[in-house]
Amino acid sequence: YRAAGITNFCSARTYDHLKKSRDEERLKRTM
């Protein structure tokens, strides 16, 4: 989180959600 510039837990939740969607997109690209 710190490396990504996140300073509070609300932003961390958003970051986790976006990271999950990025991973799903990466999975679709491999498909």
Full PDB file with SEQRES, HELIX, SHEET, SSBOND, CRYST1, ORIGX, SCALE, CONECT and MASTER records, all heavy atoms in Angstrom:
SEQRES   1 A   31  TYR ARG ALA ALA GLY ILE THR ASN PHE CYS SER ALA ARG          
SEQRES   2 A   31  THR TYR ASP HIS LEU LYS LYS SER ARG ASP GLU GLU ARG          
SEQRES   3 A   31  LEU LYS ARG THR MET                                          
HELIX    1 AA1 PHE A    9  THR A   30  1                                  22    
CRYST1    1.000    1.000    1.000  90.00  90.00  90.00 P 1           1          
ORIGX1      1.000000  0.000000  0.000000        0.00000                         
ORIGX2      0.000000  1.000000  0.000000        0.00000                         
ORIGX3      0.000000  0.000000  1.000000        0.00000                         
SCALE1      1.000000  0.000000  0.000000        0.00000                         
SCALE2      0.000000  1.000000  0.000000        0.00000                         
SCALE3      0.000000  0.000000  1.000000        0.00000                         
ATOM      1  N   TYR A   1       0.829  -1.201   0.000  1.00  0.00           N  
ATOM      2  CA  TYR A   1       0.000   0.000   0.000  1.00  0.00           C  
ATOM      3  C   TYR A   1       0.868   1.256   0.000  1.00  0.00           C  
ATOM      4  O   TYR A   1       0.608   2.194  -0.732  1.00  0.00           O  
ATOM      5  CB  TYR A   1      -0.922   0.032   1.209  1.00  0.00           C  
ATOM      6  CG  TYR A   1      -2.027  -0.988   1.205  1.00  0.00           C  
ATOM      7  CD1 TYR A   1      -2.608  -1.421   2.395  1.00  0.00           C  
ATOM      8  CD2 TYR A   1      -2.502  -1.539   0.023  1.00  0.00           C  
ATOM      9  CE1 TYR A   1      -3.626  -2.344   2.403  1.00  0.00           C  
ATOM     10  CE2 TYR A   1      -3.518  -2.467   0.028  1.00  0.00           C  
ATOM     11  CZ  TYR A   1      -4.075  -2.869   1.214  1.00  0.00           C  
ATOM     12  OH  TYR A   1      -5.075  -3.787   1.225  1.00  0.00           O  
ATOM     13  N   ARG A   2       1.908   1.258   0.828  1.00  0.00           N  
ATOM     14  CA  ARG A   2       2.768   2.435   0.918  1.00  0.00           C  
ATOM     15  C   ARG A   2       3.468   2.690  -0.410  1.00  0.00           C  
ATOM     16  O   ARG A   2       3.580   3.830  -0.851  1.00  0.00           O  
ATOM     17  CB  ARG A   2       3.800   2.257   2.015  1.00  0.00           C  
ATOM     18  CG  ARG A   2       4.723   3.466   2.117  1.00  0.00           C  
ATOM     19  CD  ARG A   2       5.690   3.335   3.223  1.00  0.00           C  
ATOM     20  NE  ARG A   2       4.989   3.568   4.483  1.00  0.00           N  
ATOM     21  CZ  ARG A   2       5.542   3.381   5.669  1.00  0.00           C  
ATOM     22  NH1 ARG A   2       6.774   2.951   5.754  1.00  0.00           N  
ATOM     23  NH2 ARG A   2       4.864   3.610   6.761  1.00  0.00           N  
ATOM     24  N   ALA A   3       3.935   1.613  -1.073  1.00  0.00           N  
ATOM     25  CA  ALA A   3       4.605   1.769  -2.362  1.00  0.00           C  
ATOM     26  C   ALA A   3       3.647   2.332  -3.412  1.00  0.00           C  
ATOM     27  O   ALA A   3       4.069   3.039  -4.328  1.00  0.00           O  
ATOM     28  CB  ALA A   3       5.168   0.431  -2.823  1.00  0.00           C  
ATOM     29  N   ALA A   4       2.357   2.023  -3.277  1.00  0.00           N  
ATOM     30  CA  ALA A   4       1.361   2.526  -4.214  1.00  0.00           C  
ATOM     31  C   ALA A   4       0.894   3.937  -3.833  1.00  0.00           C  
ATOM     32  O   ALA A   4       0.070   4.521  -4.542  1.00  0.00           O  
ATOM     33  CB  ALA A   4       0.166   1.582  -4.275  1.00  0.00           C  
ATOM     34  N   GLY A   5       1.373   4.473  -2.713  1.00  0.00           N  
ATOM     35  CA  GLY A   5       1.002   5.825  -2.313  1.00  0.00           C  
ATOM     36  C   GLY A   5      -0.299   5.906  -1.542  1.00  0.00           C  
ATOM     37  O   GLY A   5      -0.904   6.972  -1.439  1.00  0.00           O  
ATOM     38  N   ILE A   6      -0.741   4.816  -0.965  1.00  0.00           N  
ATOM     39  CA  ILE A   6      -2.008   4.786  -0.235  1.00  0.00           C  
ATOM     40  C   ILE A   6      -1.740   5.144   1.227  1.00  0.00           C  
ATOM     41  O   ILE A   6      -0.830   4.605   1.857  1.00  0.00           O  
ATOM     42  CB  ILE A   6      -2.654   3.394  -0.354  1.00  0.00           C  
ATOM     43  CG1 ILE A   6      -3.019   3.158  -1.819  1.00  0.00           C  
ATOM     44  CG2 ILE A   6      -3.858   3.264   0.541  1.00  0.00           C  
ATOM     45  CD1 ILE A   6      -3.473   1.786  -2.114  1.00  0.00           C  
ATOM     46  N   THR A   7      -2.559   6.044   1.759  1.00  0.00           N  
ATOM     47  CA  THR A   7      -2.329   6.521   3.120  1.00  0.00           C  
ATOM     48  C   THR A   7      -3.458   6.197   4.090  1.00  0.00           C  
ATOM     49  O   THR A   7      -3.278   6.349   5.299  1.00  0.00           O  
ATOM     50  CB  THR A   7      -2.127   8.044   3.116  1.00  0.00           C  
ATOM     51  OG1 THR A   7      -3.274   8.656   2.509  1.00  0.00           O  
ATOM     52  CG2 THR A   7      -0.871   8.413   2.351  1.00  0.00           C  
ATOM     53  N   ASN A   8      -4.628   5.748   3.598  1.00  0.00           N  
ATOM     54  CA  ASN A   8      -5.711   5.399   4.522  1.00  0.00           C  
ATOM     55  C   ASN A   8      -6.382   4.102   4.073  1.00  0.00           C  
ATOM     56  O   ASN A   8      -6.209   3.640   2.950  1.00  0.00           O  
ATOM     57  CB  ASN A   8      -6.731   6.537   4.659  1.00  0.00           C  
ATOM     58  CG  ASN A   8      -7.329   6.941   3.337  1.00  0.00           C  
ATOM     59  OD1 ASN A   8      -7.414   6.135   2.417  1.00  0.00           O  
ATOM     60  ND2 ASN A   8      -7.750   8.191   3.241  1.00  0.00           N  
ATOM     61  N   PHE A   9      -7.170   3.528   4.984  1.00  0.00           N  
ATOM     62  CA  PHE A   9      -7.750   2.221   4.724  1.00  0.00           C  
ATOM     63  C   PHE A   9      -8.889   2.270   3.708  1.00  0.00           C  
ATOM     64  O   PHE A   9      -9.149   1.280   3.031  1.00  0.00           O  
ATOM     65  CB  PHE A   9      -8.227   1.583   6.027  1.00  0.00           C  
ATOM     66  CG  PHE A   9      -7.087   1.114   6.874  1.00  0.00           C  
ATOM     67  CD1 PHE A   9      -6.798   1.721   8.075  1.00  0.00           C  
ATOM     68  CD2 PHE A   9      -6.293   0.059   6.458  1.00  0.00           C  
ATOM     69  CE1 PHE A   9      -5.741   1.294   8.850  1.00  0.00           C  
ATOM     70  CE2 PHE A   9      -5.238  -0.375   7.220  1.00  0.00           C  
ATOM     71  CZ  PHE A   9      -4.952   0.238   8.423  1.00  0.00           C  
ATOM     72  N   CYS A  10      -9.552   3.399   3.570  1.00  0.00           N  
ATOM     73  CA  CYS A  10     -10.595   3.530   2.551  1.00  0.00           C  
ATOM     74  C   CYS A  10      -9.970   3.417   1.163  1.00  0.00           C  
ATOM     75  O   CYS A  10     -10.481   2.719   0.299  1.00  0.00           O  
ATOM     76  CB  CYS A  10     -11.332   4.854   2.719  1.00  0.00           C  
ATOM     77  SG  CYS A  10     -12.666   5.088   1.537  1.00  0.00           S  
ATOM     78  N   SER A  11      -8.844   4.083   0.981  1.00  0.00           N  
ATOM     79  CA  SER A  11      -8.126   3.977  -0.295  1.00  0.00           C  
ATOM     80  C   SER A  11      -7.585   2.576  -0.497  1.00  0.00           C  
ATOM     81  O   SER A  11      -7.520   2.086  -1.620  1.00  0.00           O  
ATOM     82  CB  SER A  11      -6.963   4.970  -0.324  1.00  0.00           C  
ATOM     83  OG  SER A  11      -7.427   6.283  -0.191  1.00  0.00           O  
ATOM     84  N   ALA A  12      -7.207   1.920   0.586  1.00  0.00           N  
ATOM     85  CA  ALA A  12      -6.688   0.553   0.491  1.00  0.00           C  
ATOM     86  C   ALA A  12      -7.769  -0.400  -0.016  1.00  0.00           C  
ATOM     87  O   ALA A  12      -7.501  -1.287  -0.831  1.00  0.00           O  
ATOM     88  CB  ALA A  12      -6.166   0.091   1.841  1.00  0.00           C  
ATOM     89  N   ARG A  13      -9.002  -0.198   0.456  1.00  0.00           N  
ATOM     90  CA  ARG A  13     -10.105  -1.044  -0.019  1.00  0.00           C  
ATOM     91  C   ARG A  13     -10.335  -0.849  -1.516  1.00  0.00           C  
ATOM     92  O   ARG A  13     -10.524  -1.802  -2.261  1.00  0.00           O  
ATOM     93  CB  ARG A  13     -11.374  -0.699   0.758  1.00  0.00           C  
ATOM     94  CG  ARG A  13     -11.990  -1.894   1.413  1.00  0.00           C  
ATOM     95  CD  ARG A  13     -13.231  -1.579   2.203  1.00  0.00           C  
ATOM     96  NE  ARG A  13     -12.866  -0.862   3.426  1.00  0.00           N  
ATOM     97  CZ  ARG A  13     -13.425   0.272   3.819  1.00  0.00           C  
ATOM     98  NH1 ARG A  13     -14.391   0.818   3.140  1.00  0.00           N  
ATOM     99  NH2 ARG A  13     -13.040   0.876   4.927  1.00  0.00           N  
ATOM    100  N   THR A  14     -10.293   0.411  -1.947  1.00  0.00           N  
ATOM    101  CA  THR A  14     -10.444   0.711  -3.372  1.00  0.00           C  
ATOM    102  C   THR A  14      -9.300   0.106  -4.170  1.00  0.00           C  
ATOM    103  O   THR A  14      -9.505  -0.468  -5.240  1.00  0.00           O  
ATOM    104  CB  THR A  14     -10.488   2.235  -3.588  1.00  0.00           C  
ATOM    105  OG1 THR A  14     -11.510   2.778  -2.774  1.00  0.00           O  
ATOM    106  CG2 THR A  14     -10.747   2.573  -5.037  1.00  0.00           C  
ATOM    107  N   TYR A  15      -8.084   0.223  -3.632  1.00  0.00           N  
ATOM    108  CA  TYR A  15      -6.902  -0.355  -4.291  1.00  0.00           C  
ATOM    109  C   TYR A  15      -7.049  -1.869  -4.444  1.00  0.00           C  
ATOM    110  O   TYR A  15      -6.772  -2.424  -5.506  1.00  0.00           O  
ATOM    111  CB  TYR A  15      -5.652  -0.014  -3.479  1.00  0.00           C  
ATOM    112  CG  TYR A  15      -4.396  -0.656  -3.991  1.00  0.00           C  
ATOM    113  CD1 TYR A  15      -3.722  -0.153  -5.096  1.00  0.00           C  
ATOM    114  CD2 TYR A  15      -3.868  -1.771  -3.362  1.00  0.00           C  
ATOM    115  CE1 TYR A  15      -2.565  -0.736  -5.561  1.00  0.00           C  
ATOM    116  CE2 TYR A  15      -2.711  -2.369  -3.820  1.00  0.00           C  
ATOM    117  CZ  TYR A  15      -2.061  -1.850  -4.915  1.00  0.00           C  
ATOM    118  OH  TYR A  15      -0.920  -2.434  -5.383  1.00  0.00           O  
ATOM    119  N   ASP A  16      -7.508  -2.538  -3.381  1.00  0.00           N  
ATOM    120  CA  ASP A  16      -7.694  -3.995  -3.457  1.00  0.00           C  
ATOM    121  C   ASP A  16      -8.731  -4.368  -4.506  1.00  0.00           C  
ATOM    122  O   ASP A  16      -8.559  -5.335  -5.251  1.00  0.00           O  
ATOM    123  CB  ASP A  16      -8.105  -4.554  -2.099  1.00  0.00           C  
ATOM    124  CG  ASP A  16      -6.959  -4.591  -1.119  1.00  0.00           C  
ATOM    125  OD1 ASP A  16      -5.791  -4.625  -1.569  1.00  0.00           O  
ATOM    126  OD2 ASP A  16      -7.227  -4.588   0.104  1.00  0.00           O  
ATOM    127  N   HIS A  17      -9.822  -3.583  -4.565  1.00  0.00           N  
ATOM    128  CA  HIS A  17     -10.871  -3.855  -5.547  1.00  0.00           C  
ATOM    129  C   HIS A  17     -10.327  -3.690  -6.972  1.00  0.00           C  
ATOM    130  O   HIS A  17     -10.562  -4.537  -7.840  1.00  0.00           O  
ATOM    131  CB  HIS A  17     -12.063  -2.924  -5.310  1.00  0.00           C  
ATOM    132  CG  HIS A  17     -13.151  -3.081  -6.316  1.00  0.00           C  
ATOM    133  ND1 HIS A  17     -13.946  -4.204  -6.366  1.00  0.00           N  
ATOM    134  CD2 HIS A  17     -13.566  -2.270  -7.320  1.00  0.00           C  
ATOM    135  CE1 HIS A  17     -14.800  -4.077  -7.361  1.00  0.00           C  
ATOM    136  NE2 HIS A  17     -14.596  -2.910  -7.954  1.00  0.00           N  
ATOM    137  N   LEU A  18      -9.580  -2.609  -7.205  1.00  0.00           N  
ATOM    138  CA  LEU A  18      -9.021  -2.378  -8.540  1.00  0.00           C  
ATOM    139  C   LEU A  18      -7.961  -3.416  -8.895  1.00  0.00           C  
ATOM    140  O   LEU A  18      -7.865  -3.848 -10.044  1.00  0.00           O  
ATOM    141  CB  LEU A  18      -8.431  -0.968  -8.625  1.00  0.00           C  
ATOM    142  CG  LEU A  18      -9.450   0.164  -8.576  1.00  0.00           C  
ATOM    143  CD1 LEU A  18      -8.741   1.501  -8.505  1.00  0.00           C  
ATOM    144  CD2 LEU A  18     -10.377   0.094  -9.774  1.00  0.00           C  
ATOM    145  N   LYS A  19      -7.192  -3.830  -7.904  1.00  0.00           N  
ATOM    146  CA  LYS A  19      -6.177  -4.861  -8.145  1.00  0.00           C  
ATOM    147  C   LYS A  19      -6.840  -6.176  -8.546  1.00  0.00           C  
ATOM    148  O   LYS A  19      -6.379  -6.876  -9.451  1.00  0.00           O  
ATOM    149  CB  LYS A  19      -5.325  -5.057  -6.893  1.00  0.00           C  
ATOM    150  CG  LYS A  19      -4.209  -6.064  -7.074  1.00  0.00           C  
ATOM    151  CD  LYS A  19      -3.390  -6.183  -5.812  1.00  0.00           C  
ATOM    152  CE  LYS A  19      -2.329  -7.244  -5.996  1.00  0.00           C  
ATOM    153  NZ  LYS A  19      -1.603  -7.502  -4.760  1.00  0.00           N  
ATOM    154  N   LYS A  20      -7.941  -6.498  -7.887  1.00  0.00           N  
ATOM    155  CA  LYS A  20      -8.671  -7.723  -8.216  1.00  0.00           C  
ATOM    156  C   LYS A  20      -9.207  -7.658  -9.648  1.00  0.00           C  
ATOM    157  O   LYS A  20      -9.107  -8.619 -10.404  1.00  0.00           O  
ATOM    158  CB  LYS A  20      -9.818  -7.927  -7.227  1.00  0.00           C  
ATOM    159  CG  LYS A  20     -10.589  -9.189  -7.453  1.00  0.00           C  
ATOM    160  CD  LYS A  20     -11.687  -9.328  -6.426  1.00  0.00           C  
ATOM    161  CE  LYS A  20     -12.526 -10.543  -6.705  1.00  0.00           C  
ATOM    162  NZ  LYS A  20     -13.652 -10.677  -5.780  1.00  0.00           N  
ATOM    163  N   SER A  21      -9.749  -6.515 -10.038  1.00  0.00           N  
ATOM    164  CA  SER A  21     -10.270  -6.381 -11.404  1.00  0.00           C  
ATOM    165  C   SER A  21      -9.132  -6.426 -12.429  1.00  0.00           C  
ATOM    166  O   SER A  21      -9.296  -6.995 -13.509  1.00  0.00           O  
ATOM    167  CB  SER A  21     -11.092  -5.102 -11.554  1.00  0.00           C  
ATOM    168  OG  SER A  21     -10.271  -3.973 -11.385  1.00  0.00           O  
ATOM    169  N   ARG A  22      -7.972  -5.856 -12.087  1.00  0.00           N  
ATOM    170  CA  ARG A  22      -6.814  -5.947 -12.990  1.00  0.00           C  
ATOM    171  C   ARG A  22      -6.363  -7.391 -13.163  1.00  0.00           C  
ATOM    172  O   ARG A  22      -6.033  -7.816 -14.260  1.00  0.00           O  
ATOM    173  CB  ARG A  22      -5.638  -5.122 -12.438  1.00  0.00           C  
ATOM    174  CG  ARG A  22      -5.701  -3.660 -12.738  1.00  0.00           C  
ATOM    175  CD  ARG A  22      -4.363  -2.988 -12.447  1.00  0.00           C  
ATOM    176  NE  ARG A  22      -3.835  -3.294 -11.136  1.00  0.00           N  
ATOM    177  CZ  ARG A  22      -4.006  -2.531 -10.057  1.00  0.00           C  
ATOM    178  NH1 ARG A  22      -4.696  -1.415 -10.137  1.00  0.00           N  
ATOM    179  NH2 ARG A  22      -3.471  -2.881  -8.901  1.00  0.00           N  
ATOM    180  N   ASP A  23      -6.373  -8.151 -12.079  1.00  0.00           N  
ATOM    181  CA  ASP A  23      -5.993  -9.558 -12.164  1.00  0.00           C  
ATOM    182  C   ASP A  23      -6.976 -10.347 -13.028  1.00  0.00           C  
ATOM    183  O   ASP A  23      -6.581 -11.231 -13.794  1.00  0.00           O  
ATOM    184  CB  ASP A  23      -5.903 -10.175 -10.772  1.00  0.00           C  
ATOM    185  CG  ASP A  23      -4.721  -9.648  -9.977  1.00  0.00           C  
ATOM    186  OD1 ASP A  23      -3.787  -9.090 -10.610  1.00  0.00           O  
ATOM    187  OD2 ASP A  23      -4.733  -9.787  -8.742  1.00  0.00           O  
ATOM    188  N   GLU A  24      -8.266 -10.009 -12.917  1.00  0.00           N  
ATOM    189  CA  GLU A  24      -9.265 -10.677 -13.759  1.00  0.00           C  
ATOM    190  C   GLU A  24      -9.044 -10.332 -15.228  1.00  0.00           C  
ATOM    191  O   GLU A  24      -9.173 -11.191 -16.100  1.00  0.00           O  
ATOM    192  CB  GLU A  24     -10.667 -10.282 -13.309  1.00  0.00           C  
ATOM    193  CG  GLU A  24     -11.073 -10.888 -11.994  1.00  0.00           C  
ATOM    194  CD  GLU A  24     -12.396 -10.342 -11.483  1.00  0.00           C  
ATOM    195  OE1 GLU A  24     -12.971  -9.440 -12.135  1.00  0.00           O  
ATOM    196  OE2 GLU A  24     -12.832 -10.808 -10.421  1.00  0.00           O  
ATOM    197  N   GLU A  25      -8.719  -9.067 -15.510  1.00  0.00           N  
ATOM    198  CA  GLU A  25      -8.436  -8.662 -16.901  1.00  0.00           C  
ATOM    199  C   GLU A  25      -7.195  -9.379 -17.427  1.00  0.00           C  
ATOM    200  O   GLU A  25      -7.153  -9.792 -18.580  1.00  0.00           O  
ATOM    201  CB  GLU A  25      -8.241  -7.146 -16.993  1.00  0.00           C  
ATOM    202  CG  GLU A  25      -9.520  -6.367 -16.890  1.00  0.00           C  
ATOM    203  CD  GLU A  25     -10.469  -6.672 -18.026  1.00  0.00           C  
ATOM    204  OE1 GLU A  25     -10.024  -6.819 -19.184  1.00  0.00           O  
ATOM    205  OE2 GLU A  25     -11.681  -6.760 -17.753  1.00  0.00           O  
ATOM    206  N   ARG A  26      -6.195  -9.531 -16.580  1.00  0.00           N  
ATOM    207  CA  ARG A  26      -4.980 -10.246 -16.974  1.00  0.00           C  
ATOM    208  C   ARG A  26      -5.312 -11.703 -17.296  1.00  0.00           C  
ATOM    209  O   ARG A  26      -4.797 -12.272 -18.246  1.00  0.00           O  
ATOM    210  CB  ARG A  26      -3.941 -10.170 -15.859  1.00  0.00           C  
ATOM    211  CG  ARG A  26      -2.592 -10.701 -16.248  1.00  0.00           C  
ATOM    212  CD  ARG A  26      -1.557 -10.494 -15.161  1.00  0.00           C  
ATOM    213  NE  ARG A  26      -1.406  -9.095 -14.818  1.00  0.00           N  
ATOM    214  CZ  ARG A  26      -1.522  -8.590 -13.594  1.00  0.00           C  
ATOM    215  NH1 ARG A  26      -1.781  -9.384 -12.583  1.00  0.00           N  
ATOM    216  NH2 ARG A  26      -1.372  -7.304 -13.381  1.00  0.00           N  
ATOM    217  N   LEU A  27      -6.216 -12.290 -16.524  1.00  0.00           N  
ATOM    218  CA  LEU A  27      -6.645 -13.661 -16.782  1.00  0.00           C  
ATOM    219  C   LEU A  27      -7.367 -13.752 -18.124  1.00  0.00           C  
ATOM    220  O   LEU A  27      -7.148 -14.691 -18.893  1.00  0.00           O  
ATOM    221  CB  LEU A  27      -7.562 -14.147 -15.658  1.00  0.00           C  
ATOM    222  CG  LEU A  27      -8.125 -15.552 -15.810  1.00  0.00           C  
ATOM    223  CD1 LEU A  27      -6.999 -16.584 -15.763  1.00  0.00           C  
ATOM    224  CD2 LEU A  27      -9.143 -15.829 -14.726  1.00  0.00           C  
ATOM    225  N   LYS A  28      -8.198 -12.756 -18.434  1.00  0.00           N  
ATOM    226  CA  LYS A  28      -8.895 -12.753 -19.726  1.00  0.00           C  
ATOM    227  C   LYS A  28      -7.902 -12.629 -20.871  1.00  0.00           C  
ATOM    228  O   LYS A  28      -8.065 -13.261 -21.919  1.00  0.00           O  
ATOM    229  CB  LYS A  28      -9.916 -11.617 -19.785  1.00  0.00           C  
ATOM    230  CG  LYS A  28     -11.146 -11.879 -18.958  1.00  0.00           C  
ATOM    231  CD  LYS A  28     -12.139 -10.745 -19.089  1.00  0.00           C  
ATOM    232  CE  LYS A  28     -13.355 -10.991 -18.235  1.00  0.00           C  
ATOM    233  NZ  LYS A  28     -14.326  -9.911 -18.353  1.00  0.00           N  
ATOM    234  N   ARG A  29      -6.850 -11.810 -20.675  1.00  0.00           N  
ATOM    235  CA  ARG A  29      -5.841 -11.683 -21.730  1.00  0.00           C  
ATOM    236  C   ARG A  29      -5.099 -12.982 -21.964  1.00  0.00           C  
ATOM    237  O   ARG A  29      -4.785 -13.326 -23.087  1.00  0.00           O  
ATOM    238  CB  ARG A  29      -4.852 -10.563 -21.384  1.00  0.00           C  
ATOM    239  CG  ARG A  29      -5.331  -9.225 -21.885  1.00  0.00           C  
ATOM    240  CD  ARG A  29      -4.262  -8.179 -21.723  1.00  0.00           C  
ATOM    241  NE  ARG A  29      -4.606  -7.439 -20.509  1.00  0.00           N  
ATOM    242  CZ  ARG A  29      -3.791  -7.177 -19.510  1.00  0.00           C  
ATOM    243  NH1 ARG A  29      -2.552  -7.536 -19.566  1.00  0.00           N  
ATOM    244  NH2 ARG A  29      -4.210  -6.519 -18.455  1.00  0.00           N  
ATOM    245  N   THR A  30      -4.841 -13.714 -20.905  1.00  0.00           N  
ATOM    246  CA  THR A  30      -4.177 -15.008 -21.089  1.00  0.00           C  
ATOM    247  C   THR A  30      -5.110 -15.977 -21.798  1.00  0.00           C  
ATOM    248  O   THR A  30      -4.657 -16.830 -22.546  1.00  0.00           O  
ATOM    249  CB  THR A  30      -3.712 -15.604 -19.751  1.00  0.00           C  
ATOM    250  OG1 THR A  30      -4.827 -15.760 -18.890  1.00  0.00           O  
ATOM    251  CG2 THR A  30      -2.656 -14.738 -19.101  1.00  0.00           C  
ATOM    252  N   MET A  31      -6.413 -15.838 -21.565  1.00  0.00           N  
ATOM    253  CA  MET A  31      -7.368 -16.688 -22.278  1.00  0.00           C  
ATOM    254  C   MET A  31      -7.361 -16.349 -23.764  1.00  0.00           C  
ATOM    255  O   MET A  31      -7.494 -17.225 -24.608  1.00  0.00           O  
ATOM    256  CB  MET A  31      -8.766 -16.545 -21.691  1.00  0.00           C  
ATOM    257  CG  MET A  31      -8.890 -17.097 -20.301  1.00  0.00           C  
ATOM    258  SD  MET A  31     -10.521 -16.812 -19.662  1.00  0.00           S  
ATOM    259  CE  MET A  31     -11.215 -18.434 -19.856  1.00  0.00           C  
TER     260      MET A  31                                                      
MASTER        0    0    0    1    0    0    0    6  259    1    0    3          
END                                                                             
